Amino acid sequence: MPRPKKTDKFFFYTAKQAGFFKNKRLIGVNYSQEGGPDNLNLQDLIDFVKENDIDPSKVKIHSSFTSYAVE
């Protein structure tokens, strides 16, 4: 996978095709993006997966995921 650009909010990482991550693409936050990771939101992630032709219902959320909503 190519390195993410400074304008990319997220990136894909494809693990070796063996073991638990076989046929899976990991999605990560690009910490070096211009706006910084603190400016990301759920809609950004949904837009990213849709741009890459991935059904959002196929994206699994890790059990340690924690976030907050700003009112």
Protein backbone atom coordinates (compact mmCIF):
# COMPACT_ATOMS: atom_id res chain seq x y z
CA MET A 1 0.00 0.00 0.00
CA PRO A 2 1.32 3.48 -0.76
CA ARG A 3 2.21 5.79 2.10
CA PRO A 4 -0.60 8.17 3.07
CA LYS A 5 -0.25 11.81 2.02
CA LYS A 6 -0.49 14.67 4.51
CA THR A 7 -4.03 15.28 3.23
CA ASP A 8 -5.16 11.69 3.91
CA LYS A 9 -7.07 11.32 7.18
CA PHE A 10 -6.82 7.52 7.24
CA PHE A 11 -4.76 4.79 5.65
CA PHE A 12 -5.02 1.09 4.85
CA TYR A 13 -2.56 -1.51 6.00
CA THR A 14 -2.64 -4.93 4.41
CA ALA A 15 -1.05 -7.55 6.61
CA LYS A 16 0.71 -10.61 5.26
CA GLN A 17 -1.79 -13.00 3.80
CA ALA A 18 -1.67 -15.48 6.66
CA GLY A 19 -3.13 -15.90 10.11
CA PHE A 20 -5.92 -13.86 11.68
CA PHE A 21 -5.60 -10.88 9.31
CA LYS A 22 -5.79 -12.92 6.11
CA ASN A 23 -8.04 -11.18 3.55
CA LYS A 24 -8.47 -8.15 5.84
CA ARG A 25 -7.37 -4.54 5.46
CA LEU A 26 -6.64 -2.65 8.62
CA ILE A 27 -7.74 0.99 8.71
CA GLY A 28 -5.66 3.43 10.70
CA VAL A 29 -5.60 7.12 11.55
CA ASN A 30 -2.95 9.11 9.72
CA TYR A 31 -1.37 10.98 12.62
CA SER A 32 0.75 13.10 10.28
CA GLN A 33 -2.20 14.56 8.38
CA GLU A 34 -2.42 18.35 8.22
CA GLY A 35 -5.46 18.78 10.50
CA GLY A 36 -4.17 16.41 13.12
CA PRO A 37 -6.00 13.37 14.46
CA ASP A 38 -8.01 15.43 16.98
CA ASN A 39 -10.12 16.90 14.18
CA LEU A 40 -11.45 13.57 12.90
CA ASN A 41 -15.00 12.39 13.34
CA LEU A 42 -17.15 9.40 12.52
CA GLN A 43 -18.40 10.99 9.30
CA ASP A 44 -14.78 11.29 8.09
CA LEU A 45 -14.35 7.54 8.56
CA ILE A 46 -17.63 6.76 6.78
CA ASP A 47 -16.64 9.00 3.88
CA PHE A 48 -13.22 7.30 3.68
CA VAL A 49 -14.61 3.78 3.46
CA LYS A 50 -17.24 4.81 0.90
CA GLU A 51 -14.56 6.51 -1.25
CA ASN A 52 -12.70 3.20 -1.25
CA ASP A 53 -15.80 1.17 -2.21
CA ILE A 54 -16.15 -0.52 1.17
CA ASP A 55 -19.58 -1.10 2.63
CA PRO A 56 -19.56 0.69 6.04
CA SER A 57 -21.45 -2.26 7.54
CA LYS A 58 -18.37 -4.43 6.80
CA VAL A 59 -16.09 -2.26 8.98
CA LYS A 60 -15.67 -3.86 12.38
CA ILE A 61 -15.05 -1.74 15.47
CA HIS A 62 -12.46 -3.07 17.87
CA SER A 63 -13.68 -3.91 21.36
CA SER A 64 -11.30 -1.35 22.91
CA PHE A 65 -12.78 1.51 20.84
CA THR A 66 -13.66 4.53 22.97
CA SER A 67 -14.61 8.02 21.83
CA TYR A 68 -16.79 10.96 22.87
CA ALA A 69 -19.38 13.30 21.38
CA VAL A 70 -19.06 17.07 21.51
CA GLU A 71 -22.30 18.95 22.15
